[in-house]
PDB file of all heavy atoms in Angstrom:
ATOM      1  N   TYR A   1       9.439  61.132  28.803  1.00  0.00           N
ATOM      2  CA  TYR A   1      10.764  61.700  28.922  1.00  0.00           C
ATOM      3  C   TYR A   1      11.058  62.155  30.335  1.00  0.00           C
ATOM      4  O   TYR A   1      10.163  62.602  31.064  1.00  0.00           O
ATOM      5  CB  TYR A   1      10.922  62.897  27.984  1.00  0.00           C
ATOM      6  CG  TYR A   1      10.801  62.544  26.527  1.00  0.00           C
ATOM      7  CD1 TYR A   1       9.577  62.586  25.877  1.00  0.00           C
ATOM      8  CD2 TYR A   1      11.925  62.161  25.797  1.00  0.00           C
ATOM      9  CE1 TYR A   1       9.462  62.255  24.533  1.00  0.00           C
ATOM     10  CE2 TYR A   1      11.819  61.832  24.455  1.00  0.00           C
ATOM     11  CZ  TYR A   1      10.588  61.879  23.830  1.00  0.00           C
ATOM     12  OH  TYR A   1      10.485  61.547  22.499  1.00  0.00           O
ATOM     13  N   LEU A   2      12.309  62.050  30.695  1.00  0.00           N
ATOM     14  CA  LEU A   2      12.792  62.661  31.916  1.00  0.00           C
ATOM     15  C   LEU A   2      12.532  64.164  31.822  1.00  0.00           C
ATOM     16  O   LEU A   2      12.748  64.771  30.772  1.00  0.00           O
ATOM     17  CB  LEU A   2      14.288  62.384  32.052  1.00  0.00           C
ATOM     18  CG  LEU A   2      15.021  62.853  33.293  1.00  0.00           C
ATOM     19  CD1 LEU A   2      14.562  62.070  34.509  1.00  0.00           C
ATOM     20  CD2 LEU A   2      16.523  62.686  33.083  1.00  0.00           C
ATOM     21  N   ASP A   3      12.067  64.754  32.898  1.00  0.00           N
ATOM     22  CA  ASP A   3      11.704  66.164  32.872  1.00  0.00           C
ATOM     23  C   ASP A   3      12.824  67.057  32.331  1.00  0.00           C
ATOM     24  O   ASP A   3      12.570  67.997  31.575  1.00  0.00           O
ATOM     25  CB  ASP A   3      11.305  66.643  34.267  1.00  0.00           C
ATOM     26  CG  ASP A   3       9.925  66.177  34.670  1.00  0.00           C
ATOM     27  OD1 ASP A   3       9.153  65.738  33.799  1.00  0.00           O
ATOM     28  OD2 ASP A   3       9.614  66.260  35.873  1.00  0.00           O
ATOM     29  N   SER A   4      14.046  66.766  32.697  1.00  0.00           N
ATOM     30  CA  SER A   4      15.155  67.621  32.323  1.00  0.00           C
ATOM     31  C   SER A   4      15.500  67.571  30.833  1.00  0.00           C
ATOM     32  O   SER A   4      16.253  68.415  30.349  1.00  0.00           O
ATOM     33  CB  SER A   4      16.403  67.280  33.143  1.00  0.00           C
ATOM     34  OG  SER A   4      16.829  65.958  32.899  1.00  0.00           O
ATOM     35  N   VAL A   5      14.960  66.596  30.103  1.00  0.00           N
ATOM     36  CA  VAL A   5      15.253  66.503  28.678  1.00  0.00           C
ATOM     37  C   VAL A   5      14.051  66.812  27.805  1.00  0.00           C
ATOM     38  O   VAL A   5      14.172  66.841  26.575  1.00  0.00           O
ATOM     39  CB  VAL A   5      15.831  65.122  28.291  1.00  0.00           C
ATOM     40  CG1 VAL A   5      16.992  64.752  29.203  1.00  0.00           C
ATOM     41  CG2 VAL A   5      14.756  64.040  28.321  1.00  0.00           C
ATOM     42  N   LYS A   6      12.911  67.054  28.404  1.00  0.00           N
ATOM     43  CA  LYS A   6      11.708  67.363  27.636  1.00  0.00           C
ATOM     44  C   LYS A   6      11.925  68.605  26.785  1.00  0.00           C
ATOM     45  O   LYS A   6      12.455  69.605  27.246  1.00  0.00           O
ATOM     46  CB  LYS A   6      10.513  67.569  28.566  1.00  0.00           C
ATOM     47  CG  LYS A   6       9.992  66.296  29.187  1.00  0.00           C
ATOM     48  CD  LYS A   6       8.799  66.569  30.094  1.00  0.00           C
ATOM     49  CE  LYS A   6       8.264  65.293  30.692  1.00  0.00           C
ATOM     50  NZ  LYS A   6       7.152  65.536  31.637  1.00  0.00           N
ATOM     51  N   GLY A   7      11.511  68.501  25.536  1.00  0.00           N
ATOM     52  CA  GLY A   7      11.688  69.604  24.616  1.00  0.00           C
ATOM     53  C   GLY A   7      13.032  69.619  23.932  1.00  0.00           C
ATOM     54  O   GLY A   7      13.228  70.387  22.977  1.00  0.00           O
ATOM     55  N   ARG A   8      13.958  68.781  24.401  1.00  0.00           N
ATOM     56  CA  ARG A   8      15.286  68.733  23.806  1.00  0.00           C
ATOM     57  C   ARG A   8      15.579  67.384  23.151  1.00  0.00           C
ATOM     58  O   ARG A   8      16.279  67.327  22.145  1.00  0.00           O
ATOM     59  CB  ARG A   8      16.361  69.012  24.860  1.00  0.00           C
ATOM     60  CG  ARG A   8      16.232  70.377  25.518  1.00  0.00           C
ATOM     61  CD  ARG A   8      17.441  70.690  26.382  1.00  0.00           C
ATOM     62  NE  ARG A   8      17.567  69.766  27.514  1.00  0.00           N
ATOM     63  CZ  ARG A   8      18.596  68.952  27.710  1.00  0.00           C
ATOM     64  NH1 ARG A   8      19.617  68.947  26.854  1.00  0.00           N
ATOM     65  NH2 ARG A   8      18.638  68.154  28.772  1.00  0.00           N
ATOM     66  N   PHE A   9      15.061  66.315  23.740  1.00  0.00           N
ATOM     67  CA  PHE A   9      15.308  64.966  23.239  1.00  0.00           C
ATOM     68  C   PHE A   9      14.028  64.380  22.659  1.00  0.00           C
ATOM     69  O   PHE A   9      12.927  64.660  23.145  1.00  0.00           O
ATOM     70  CB  PHE A   9      15.768  64.032  24.360  1.00  0.00           C
ATOM     71  CG  PHE A   9      17.124  64.321  24.933  1.00  0.00           C
ATOM     72  CD1 PHE A   9      17.830  65.465  24.628  1.00  0.00           C
ATOM     73  CD2 PHE A   9      17.689  63.399  25.813  1.00  0.00           C
ATOM     74  CE1 PHE A   9      19.077  65.713  25.175  1.00  0.00           C
ATOM     75  CE2 PHE A   9      18.936  63.638  26.364  1.00  0.00           C
ATOM     76  CZ  PHE A   9      19.628  64.787  26.050  1.00  0.00           C
ATOM     77  N   THR A  10      14.180  63.540  21.650  1.00  0.00           N
ATOM     78  CA  THR A  10      13.083  62.734  21.145  1.00  0.00           C
ATOM     79  C   THR A  10      13.577  61.315  20.935  1.00  0.00           C
ATOM     80  O   THR A  10      14.782  61.072  20.831  1.00  0.00           O
ATOM     81  CB  THR A  10      12.493  63.276  19.828  1.00  0.00           C
ATOM     82  OG1 THR A  10      13.523  63.352  18.839  1.00  0.00           O
ATOM     83  CG2 THR A  10      11.878  64.654  20.037  1.00  0.00           C
ATOM     84  N   ILE A  11      12.638  60.369  20.878  1.00  0.00           N
ATOM     85  CA  ILE A  11      13.013  58.962  20.808  1.00  0.00           C
ATOM     86  C   ILE A  11      12.311  58.282  19.628  1.00  0.00           C
ATOM     87  O   ILE A  11      11.339  57.533  19.795  1.00  0.00           O
ATOM     88  CB  ILE A  11      12.730  58.262  22.158  1.00  0.00           C
ATOM     89  CG1 ILE A  11      13.215  56.810  22.140  1.00  0.00           C
ATOM     90  CG2 ILE A  11      11.273  58.388  22.569  1.00  0.00           C
ATOM     91  CD1 ILE A  11      13.193  56.150  23.519  1.00  0.00           C
ATOM     92  N   PRO A  12      12.802  58.511  18.424  1.00  0.00           N
ATOM     93  CA  PRO A  12      12.218  57.856  17.252  1.00  0.00           C
ATOM     94  C   PRO A  12      12.512  56.359  17.241  1.00  0.00           C
ATOM     95  O   PRO A  12      13.505  55.897  17.817  1.00  0.00           O
ATOM     96  CB  PRO A  12      12.917  58.541  16.073  1.00  0.00           C
ATOM     97  CG  PRO A  12      13.576  59.763  16.642  1.00  0.00           C
ATOM     98  CD  PRO A  12      13.906  59.405  18.052  1.00  0.00           C
ATOM     99  N   LYS A  13      11.644  55.605  16.577  1.00  0.00           N
ATOM    100  CA  LYS A  13      11.834  54.168  16.467  1.00  0.00           C
ATOM    101  C   LYS A  13      11.496  53.723  15.056  1.00  0.00           C
ATOM    102  O   LYS A  13      10.525  54.189  14.461  1.00  0.00           O
ATOM    103  CB  LYS A  13      10.959  53.443  17.492  1.00  0.00           C
ATOM    104  CG  LYS A  13      11.080  51.920  17.484  1.00  0.00           C
ATOM    105  CD  LYS A  13      10.586  51.316  18.796  1.00  0.00           C
ATOM    106  CE  LYS A  13       9.089  51.456  18.959  1.00  0.00           C
ATOM    107  NZ  LYS A  13       8.363  50.408  18.209  1.00  0.00           N
ATOM    108  N   ASP A  14      12.286  52.818  14.540  1.00  0.00           N
ATOM    109  CA  ASP A  14      12.069  52.255  13.212  1.00  0.00           C
ATOM    110  C   ASP A  14      11.899  50.755  13.380  1.00  0.00           C
ATOM    111  O   ASP A  14      12.868  50.029  13.598  1.00  0.00           O
ATOM    112  CB  ASP A  14      13.243  52.567  12.288  1.00  0.00           C
ATOM    113  CG  ASP A  14      12.984  52.164  10.847  1.00  0.00           C
ATOM    114  OD1 ASP A  14      12.268  51.169  10.611  1.00  0.00           O
ATOM    115  OD2 ASP A  14      13.499  52.841   9.940  1.00  0.00           O
ATOM    116  N   ASN A  15      10.661  50.287  13.289  1.00  0.00           N
ATOM    117  CA  ASN A  15      10.379  48.874  13.518  1.00  0.00           C
ATOM    118  C   ASN A  15      10.937  47.977  12.419  1.00  0.00           C
ATOM    119  O   ASN A  15      11.293  46.832  12.675  1.00  0.00           O
ATOM    120  CB  ASN A  15       8.873  48.656  13.656  1.00  0.00           C
ATOM    121  CG  ASN A  15       8.306  49.266  14.913  1.00  0.00           C
ATOM    122  OD1 ASN A  15       8.969  49.294  15.948  1.00  0.00           O
ATOM    123  ND2 ASN A  15       7.078  49.753  14.837  1.00  0.00           N
ATOM    124  N   VAL A  16      10.992  48.505  11.211  1.00  0.00           N
ATOM    125  CA  VAL A  16      11.518  47.718  10.103  1.00  0.00           C
ATOM    126  C   VAL A  16      13.014  47.484  10.278  1.00  0.00           C
ATOM    127  O   VAL A  16      13.513  46.378  10.095  1.00  0.00           O
ATOM    128  CB  VAL A  16      11.227  48.401   8.755  1.00  0.00           C
ATOM    129  CG1 VAL A  16      11.896  47.638   7.618  1.00  0.00           C
ATOM    130  CG2 VAL A  16       9.725  48.483   8.526  1.00  0.00           C
ATOM    131  N   LYS A  17      13.722  48.535  10.620  1.00  0.00           N
ATOM    132  CA  LYS A  17      15.160  48.425  10.848  1.00  0.00           C
ATOM    133  C   LYS A  17      15.503  47.851  12.213  1.00  0.00           C
ATOM    134  O   LYS A  17      16.677  47.596  12.494  1.00  0.00           O
ATOM    135  CB  LYS A  17      15.822  49.788  10.692  1.00  0.00           C
ATOM    136  CG  LYS A  17      15.783  50.342   9.284  1.00  0.00           C
ATOM    137  CD  LYS A  17      16.529  51.665   9.203  1.00  0.00           C
ATOM    138  CE  LYS A  17      16.557  52.192   7.785  1.00  0.00           C
ATOM    139  NZ  LYS A  17      17.289  53.482   7.697  1.00  0.00           N
ATOM    140  N   LYS A  18      14.492  47.652  13.051  1.00  0.00           N
ATOM    141  CA  LYS A  18      14.694  47.169  14.416  1.00  0.00           C
ATOM    142  C   LYS A  18      15.674  48.069  15.154  1.00  0.00           C
ATOM    143  O   LYS A  18      16.594  47.601  15.833  1.00  0.00           O
ATOM    144  CB  LYS A  18      15.179  45.716  14.413  1.00  0.00           C
ATOM    145  CG  LYS A  18      14.214  44.746  13.760  1.00  0.00           C
ATOM    146  CD  LYS A  18      14.766  43.329  13.784  1.00  0.00           C
ATOM    147  CE  LYS A  18      13.824  42.373  13.074  1.00  0.00           C
ATOM    148  NZ  LYS A  18      14.347  40.992  13.075  1.00  0.00           N
ATOM    149  N   SER A  19      15.448  49.356  15.008  1.00  0.00           N
ATOM    150  CA  SER A  19      16.354  50.328  15.591  1.00  0.00           C
ATOM    151  C   SER A  19      15.604  51.371  16.397  1.00  0.00           C
ATOM    152  O   SER A  19      14.503  51.770  16.039  1.00  0.00           O
ATOM    153  CB  SER A  19      17.175  51.025  14.507  1.00  0.00           C
ATOM    154  OG  SER A  19      18.059  50.120  13.872  1.00  0.00           O
ATOM    155  N   LEU A  20      16.232  51.784  17.455  1.00  0.00           N
ATOM    156  CA  LEU A  20      15.752  52.854  18.305  1.00  0.00           C
ATOM    157  C   LEU A  20      16.779  53.973  18.264  1.00  0.00           C
ATOM    158  O   LEU A  20      17.980  53.716  18.181  1.00  0.00           O
ATOM    159  CB  LEU A  20      15.575  52.358  19.737  1.00  0.00           C
ATOM    160  CG  LEU A  20      15.021  53.348  20.753  1.00  0.00           C
ATOM    161  CD1 LEU A  20      13.534  53.584  20.503  1.00  0.00           C
ATOM    162  CD2 LEU A  20      15.249  52.832  22.168  1.00  0.00           C
ATOM    163  N   TYR A  21      16.304  55.196  18.357  1.00  0.00           N
ATOM    164  CA  TYR A  21      17.196  56.341  18.291  1.00  0.00           C
ATOM    165  C   TYR A  21      16.923  57.284  19.448  1.00  0.00           C
ATOM    166  O   TYR A  21      15.847  57.288  20.032  1.00  0.00           O
ATOM    167  CB  TYR A  21      17.003  57.101  16.968  1.00  0.00           C
ATOM    168  CG  TYR A  21      17.118  56.212  15.758  1.00  0.00           C
ATOM    169  CD1 TYR A  21      15.996  55.619  15.195  1.00  0.00           C
ATOM    170  CD2 TYR A  21      18.358  55.953  15.188  1.00  0.00           C
ATOM    171  CE1 TYR A  21      16.104  54.790  14.087  1.00  0.00           C
ATOM    172  CE2 TYR A  21      18.473  55.126  14.084  1.00  0.00           C
ATOM    173  CZ  TYR A  21      17.340  54.550  13.540  1.00  0.00           C
ATOM    174  OH  TYR A  21      17.464  53.724  12.442  1.00  0.00           O
ATOM    175  N   LEU A  22      17.903  58.065  19.762  1.00  0.00           N
ATOM    176  CA  LEU A  22      17.714  59.160  20.699  1.00  0.00           C
ATOM    177  C   LEU A  22      18.284  60.405  20.045  1.00  0.00           C
ATOM    178  O   LEU A  22      19.499  60.535  19.900  1.00  0.00           O
ATOM    179  CB  LEU A  22      18.408  58.887  22.034  1.00  0.00           C
ATOM    180  CG  LEU A  22      18.165  59.938  23.117  1.00  0.00           C
ATOM    181  CD1 LEU A  22      16.689  59.952  23.535  1.00  0.00           C
ATOM    182  CD2 LEU A  22      19.053  59.691  24.333  1.00  0.00           C
ATOM    183  N   GLN A  23      17.392  61.282  19.628  1.00  0.00           N
ATOM    184  CA  GLN A  23      17.803  62.542  19.050  1.00  0.00           C
ATOM    185  C   GLN A  23      17.956  63.551  20.174  1.00  0.00           C
ATOM    186  O   GLN A  23      16.993  63.858  20.868  1.00  0.00           O
ATOM    187  CB  GLN A  23      16.772  63.037  18.033  1.00  0.00           C
ATOM    188  CG  GLN A  23      17.124  64.364  17.380  1.00  0.00           C
ATOM    189  CD  GLN A  23      18.379  64.288  16.543  1.00  0.00           C
ATOM    190  OE1 GLN A  23      18.513  63.379  15.723  1.00  0.00           O
ATOM    191  NE2 GLN A  23      19.304  65.208  16.753  1.00  0.00           N
ATOM    192  N   MET A  24      19.156  64.035  20.354  1.00  0.00           N
ATOM    193  CA  MET A  24      19.467  64.934  21.448  1.00  0.00           C
ATOM    194  C   MET A  24      19.863  66.290  20.888  1.00  0.00           C
ATOM    195  O   MET A  24      20.872  66.414  20.191  1.00  0.00           O
ATOM    196  CB  MET A  24      20.596  64.372  22.310  1.00  0.00           C
ATOM    197  CG  MET A  24      20.314  62.972  22.846  1.00  0.00           C
ATOM    198  SD  MET A  24      21.613  62.379  23.962  1.00  0.00           S
ATOM    199  CE  MET A  24      22.959  62.196  22.788  1.00  0.00           C
ATOM    200  N   ASN A  25      19.067  67.278  21.184  1.00  0.00           N
ATOM    201  CA  ASN A  25      19.335  68.640  20.756  1.00  0.00           C
ATOM    202  C   ASN A  25      19.581  69.520  21.969  1.00  0.00           C
ATOM    203  O   ASN A  25      19.224  69.179  23.088  1.00  0.00           O
ATOM    204  CB  ASN A  25      18.161  69.188  19.945  1.00  0.00           C
ATOM    205  CG  ASN A  25      17.870  68.384  18.707  1.00  0.00           C
ATOM    206  OD1 ASN A  25      18.778  67.907  18.029  1.00  0.00           O
ATOM    207  ND2 ASN A  25      16.588  68.229  18.385  1.00  0.00           N
ATOM    208  N   SER A  26      20.166  70.664  21.726  1.00  0.00           N
ATOM    209  CA  SER A  26      20.440  71.624  22.795  1.00  0.00           C
ATOM    210  C   SER A  26      21.116  70.957  23.982  1.00  0.00           C
ATOM    211  O   SER A  26      20.724  71.131  25.138  1.00  0.00           O
ATOM    212  CB  SER A  26      19.141  72.316  23.237  1.00  0.00           C
ATOM    213  OG  SER A  26      18.522  72.984  22.150  1.00  0.00           O
ATOM    214  N   LEU A  27      22.131  70.191  23.692  1.00  0.00           N
ATOM    215  CA  LEU A  27      22.810  69.427  24.732  1.00  0.00           C
ATOM    216  C   LEU A  27      23.457  70.331  25.772  1.00  0.00           C
ATOM    217  O   LEU A  27      23.937  71.419  25.459  1.00  0.00           O
ATOM    218  CB  LEU A  27      23.857  68.513  24.113  1.00  0.00           C
ATOM    219  CG  LEU A  27      23.283  67.248  23.473  1.00  0.00           C
ATOM    220  CD1 LEU A  27      24.283  66.632  22.513  1.00  0.00           C
ATOM    221  CD2 LEU A  27      22.893  66.240  24.558  1.00  0.00           C
ATOM    222  N   GLU A  28      23.442  69.847  26.986  1.00  0.00           N
ATOM    223  CA  GLU A  28      23.990  70.563  28.122  1.00  0.00           C
ATOM    224  C   GLU A  28      25.059  69.706  28.788  1.00  0.00           C
ATOM    225  O   GLU A  28      25.031  68.482  28.678  1.00  0.00           O
ATOM    226  CB  GLU A  28      22.880  70.886  29.129  1.00  0.00           C
ATOM    227  CG  GLU A  28      21.726  71.677  28.541  1.00  0.00           C
ATOM    228  CD  GLU A  28      20.524  71.743  29.458  1.00  0.00           C
ATOM    229  OE1 GLU A  28      20.520  71.059  30.510  1.00  0.00           O
ATOM    230  OE2 GLU A  28      19.582  72.490  29.129  1.00  0.00           O
ATOM    231  N   PRO A  29      26.002  70.331  29.489  1.00  0.00           N
ATOM    232  CA  PRO A  29      27.027  69.537  30.181  1.00  0.00           C
ATOM    233  C   PRO A  29      26.435  68.482  31.113  1.00  0.00           C
ATOM    234  O   PRO A  29      27.026  67.413  31.291  1.00  0.00           O
ATOM    235  CB  PRO A  29      27.807  70.597  30.969  1.00  0.00           C
ATOM    236  CG  PRO A  29      27.679  71.826  30.135  1.00  0.00           C
ATOM    237  CD  PRO A  29      26.278  71.774  29.584  1.00  0.00           C
ATOM    238  N   GLU A  30      25.279  68.764  31.678  1.00  0.00           N
ATOM    239  CA  GLU A  30      24.615  67.824  32.571  1.00  0.00           C
ATOM    240  C   GLU A  30      24.136  66.569  31.857  1.00  0.00           C
ATOM    241  O   GLU A  30      23.774  65.590  32.514  1.00  0.00           O
ATOM    242  CB  GLU A  30      23.435  68.499  33.278  1.00  0.00           C
ATOM    243  CG  GLU A  30      23.834  69.590  34.272  1.00  0.00           C
ATOM    244  CD  GLU A  30      24.311  70.873  33.603  1.00  0.00           C
ATOM    245  OE1 GLU A  30      23.980  71.108  32.426  1.00  0.00           O
ATOM    246  OE2 GLU A  30      25.017  71.654  34.279  1.00  0.00           O
ATOM    247  N   ASP A  31      24.125  66.590  30.540  1.00  0.00           N
ATOM    248  CA  ASP A  31      23.748  65.412  29.771  1.00  0.00           C
ATOM    249  C   ASP A  31      24.906  64.437  29.612  1.00  0.00           C
ATOM    250  O   ASP A  31      24.719  63.343  29.081  1.00  0.00           O
ATOM    251  CB  ASP A  31      23.241  65.820  28.388  1.00  0.00           C
ATOM    252  CG  ASP A  31      21.975  66.651  28.443  1.00  0.00           C
ATOM    253  OD1 ASP A  31      21.066  66.300  29.228  1.00  0.00           O
ATOM    254  OD2 ASP A  31      21.892  67.644  27.701  1.00  0.00           O
ATOM    255  N   THR A  32      26.082  64.812  30.037  1.00  0.00           N
ATOM    256  CA  THR A  32      27.248  63.943  29.932  1.00  0.00           C
ATOM    257  C   THR A  32      27.019  62.668  30.731  1.00  0.00           C
ATOM    258  O   THR A  32      26.745  62.709  31.929  1.00  0.00           O
ATOM    259  CB  THR A  32      28.500  64.656  30.447  1.00  0.00           C
ATOM    260  OG1 THR A  32      28.795  65.767  29.595  1.00  0.00           O
ATOM    261  CG2 THR A  32      29.693  63.715  30.463  1.00  0.00           C
ATOM    262  N   ALA A  33      27.117  61.537  30.056  1.00  0.00           N
ATOM    263  CA  ALA A  33      26.853  60.251  30.695  1.00  0.00           C
ATOM    264  C   ALA A  33      27.091  59.134  29.693  1.00  0.00           C
ATOM    265  O   ALA A  33      27.251  59.370  28.493  1.00  0.00           O
ATOM    266  CB  ALA A  33      25.408  60.176  31.209  1.00  0.00           C
ATOM    267  N   MET A  34      27.101  57.918  30.205  1.00  0.00           N
ATOM    268  CA  MET A  34      27.029  56.754  29.353  1.00  0.00           C
ATOM    269  C   MET A  34      25.551  56.481  29.105  1.00  0.00           C
ATOM    270  O   MET A  34      24.765  56.412  30.053  1.00  0.00           O
ATOM    271  CB  MET A  34      27.691  55.553  30.019  1.00  0.00           C
ATOM    272  CG  MET A  34      27.755  54.314  29.140  1.00  0.00           C
ATOM    273  SD  MET A  34      28.999  54.457  27.820  1.00  0.00           S
ATOM    274  CE  MET A  34      30.506  54.272  28.770  1.00  0.00           C
ATOM    275  N   TYR A  35      25.191  56.351  27.854  1.00  0.00           N
ATOM    276  CA  TYR A  35      23.803  56.132  27.486  1.00  0.00           C
ATOM    277  C   TYR A  35      23.584  54.685  27.079  1.00  0.00           C
ATOM    278  O   TYR A  35      24.347  54.136  26.283  1.00  0.00           O
ATOM    279  CB  TYR A  35      23.406  57.065  26.333  1.00  0.00           C
ATOM    280  CG  TYR A  35      23.163  58.479  26.793  1.00  0.00           C
ATOM    281  CD1 TYR A  35      24.222  59.288  27.173  1.00  0.00           C
ATOM    282  CD2 TYR A  35      21.872  58.999  26.866  1.00  0.00           C
ATOM    283  CE1 TYR A  35      24.006  60.585  27.623  1.00  0.00           C
ATOM    284  CE2 TYR A  35      21.646  60.288  27.305  1.00  0.00           C
ATOM    285  CZ  TYR A  35      22.715  61.081  27.681  1.00  0.00           C
ATOM    286  OH  TYR A  35      22.493  62.370  28.121  1.00  0.00           O
ATOM    287  N   TYR A  36      22.533  54.093  27.619  1.00  0.00           N
ATOM    288  CA  TYR A  36      22.224  52.694  27.396  1.00  0.00           C
ATOM    289  C   TYR A  36      20.864  52.529  26.740  1.00  0.00           C
ATOM    290  O   TYR A  36      19.879  53.124  27.176  1.00  0.00           O
ATOM    291  CB  TYR A  36      22.199  51.924  28.715  1.00  0.00           C
ATOM    292  CG  TYR A  36      23.513  51.924  29.452  1.00  0.00           C
ATOM    293  CD1 TYR A  36      23.824  52.932  30.348  1.00  0.00           C
ATOM    294  CD2 TYR A  36      24.431  50.903  29.250  1.00  0.00           C
ATOM    295  CE1 TYR A  36      25.032  52.934  31.026  1.00  0.00           C
ATOM    296  CE2 TYR A  36      25.639  50.896  29.923  1.00  0.00           C
ATOM    297  CZ  TYR A  36      25.936  51.913  30.811  1.00  0.00           C
ATOM    298  OH  TYR A  36      27.133  51.905  31.484  1.00  0.00           O
ATOM    299  N   CYS A  37      20.818  51.717  25.730  1.00  0.00           N
ATOM    300  CA  CYS A  37      19.563  51.319  25.117  1.00  0.00           C
ATOM    301  C   CYS A  37      18.981  50.161  25.922  1.00  0.00           C
ATOM    302  O   CYS A  37      19.716  49.261  26.343  1.00  0.00           O
ATOM    303  CB  CYS A  37      19.814  50.892  23.673  1.00  0.00           C
ATOM    304  SG  CYS A  37      18.354  50.327  22.776  1.00  0.00           S
ATOM    305  N   VAL A  38      17.676  50.188  26.139  1.00  0.00           N
ATOM    306  CA  VAL A  38      17.030  49.161  26.949  1.00  0.00           C
ATOM    307  C   VAL A  38      15.746  48.676  26.291  1.00  0.00           C
ATOM    308  O   VAL A  38      15.122  49.382  25.503  1.00  0.00           O
ATOM    309  CB  VAL A  38      16.708  49.679  28.368  1.00  0.00           C
ATOM    310  CG1 VAL A  38      17.990  50.083  29.092  1.00  0.00           C
ATOM    311  CG2 VAL A  38      15.738  50.856  28.317  1.00  0.00           C
ATOM    312  N   ALA A  39      15.353  47.465  26.656  1.00  0.00           N
ATOM    313  CA  ALA A  39      14.118  46.893  26.136  1.00  0.00           C
ATOM    314  C   ALA A  39      13.526  45.921  27.140  1.00  0.00           C
ATOM    315  O   ALA A  39      14.254  45.252  27.884  1.00  0.00           O
ATOM    316  CB  ALA A  39      14.368  46.176  24.813  1.00  0.00           C
TER     317      ALA A  39
END
Protein backbone atom coordinates (compact mmCIF):
# COMPACT_ATOMS: atom_id res chain seq x y z
CA TYR A 1 0.00 0.00 0.00
CA LEU A 2 0.89 3.60 -0.52
CA ASP A 3 2.03 4.92 2.84
CA SER A 4 -0.73 7.50 3.01
CA VAL A 5 -3.47 4.87 2.75
CA LYS A 6 -2.05 2.21 5.05
CA GLY A 7 -4.51 1.29 7.74
CA ARG A 8 -7.37 2.84 5.80
CA PHE A 9 -7.51 0.93 2.51
CA THR A 10 -7.49 -2.78 1.76
CA ILE A 11 -7.40 -4.61 -1.56
CA PRO A 12 -9.50 -7.79 -1.50
CA LYS A 13 -9.55 -10.07 -4.52
CA ASP A 14 -12.02 -12.71 -5.64
CA ASN A 15 -10.42 -15.07 -8.14
CA VAL A 16 -13.66 -16.88 -8.87
CA LYS A 17 -15.50 -13.69 -9.73
CA LYS A 18 -12.38 -12.34 -11.47
CA SER A 19 -12.81 -9.18 -9.47
CA LEU A 20 -10.57 -6.87 -7.55
CA TYR A 21 -11.79 -4.45 -4.92
CA LEU A 22 -10.53 -1.45 -3.08
CA GLN A 23 -12.11 -0.98 0.30
CA MET A 24 -11.56 2.60 1.33
CA ASN A 25 -12.30 3.64 4.89
CA SER A 26 -11.70 6.88 6.74
CA LEU A 27 -11.58 8.74 3.46
CA GLU A 28 -9.85 12.08 3.33
CA PRO A 29 -10.16 14.95 0.84
CA GLU A 30 -6.65 14.08 -0.34
CA ASP A 31 -8.03 10.77 -1.60
CA THR A 32 -10.04 12.60 -4.25
CA ALA A 33 -8.91 11.26 -7.61
CA MET A 34 -9.76 9.09 -10.55
CA TYR A 35 -9.05 5.53 -9.52
CA TYR A 36 -7.82 2.98 -12.03
CA CYS A 37 -7.72 -0.78 -11.81
CA VAL A 38 -4.52 -2.26 -13.22
CA ALA A 39 -3.08 -5.66 -14.03
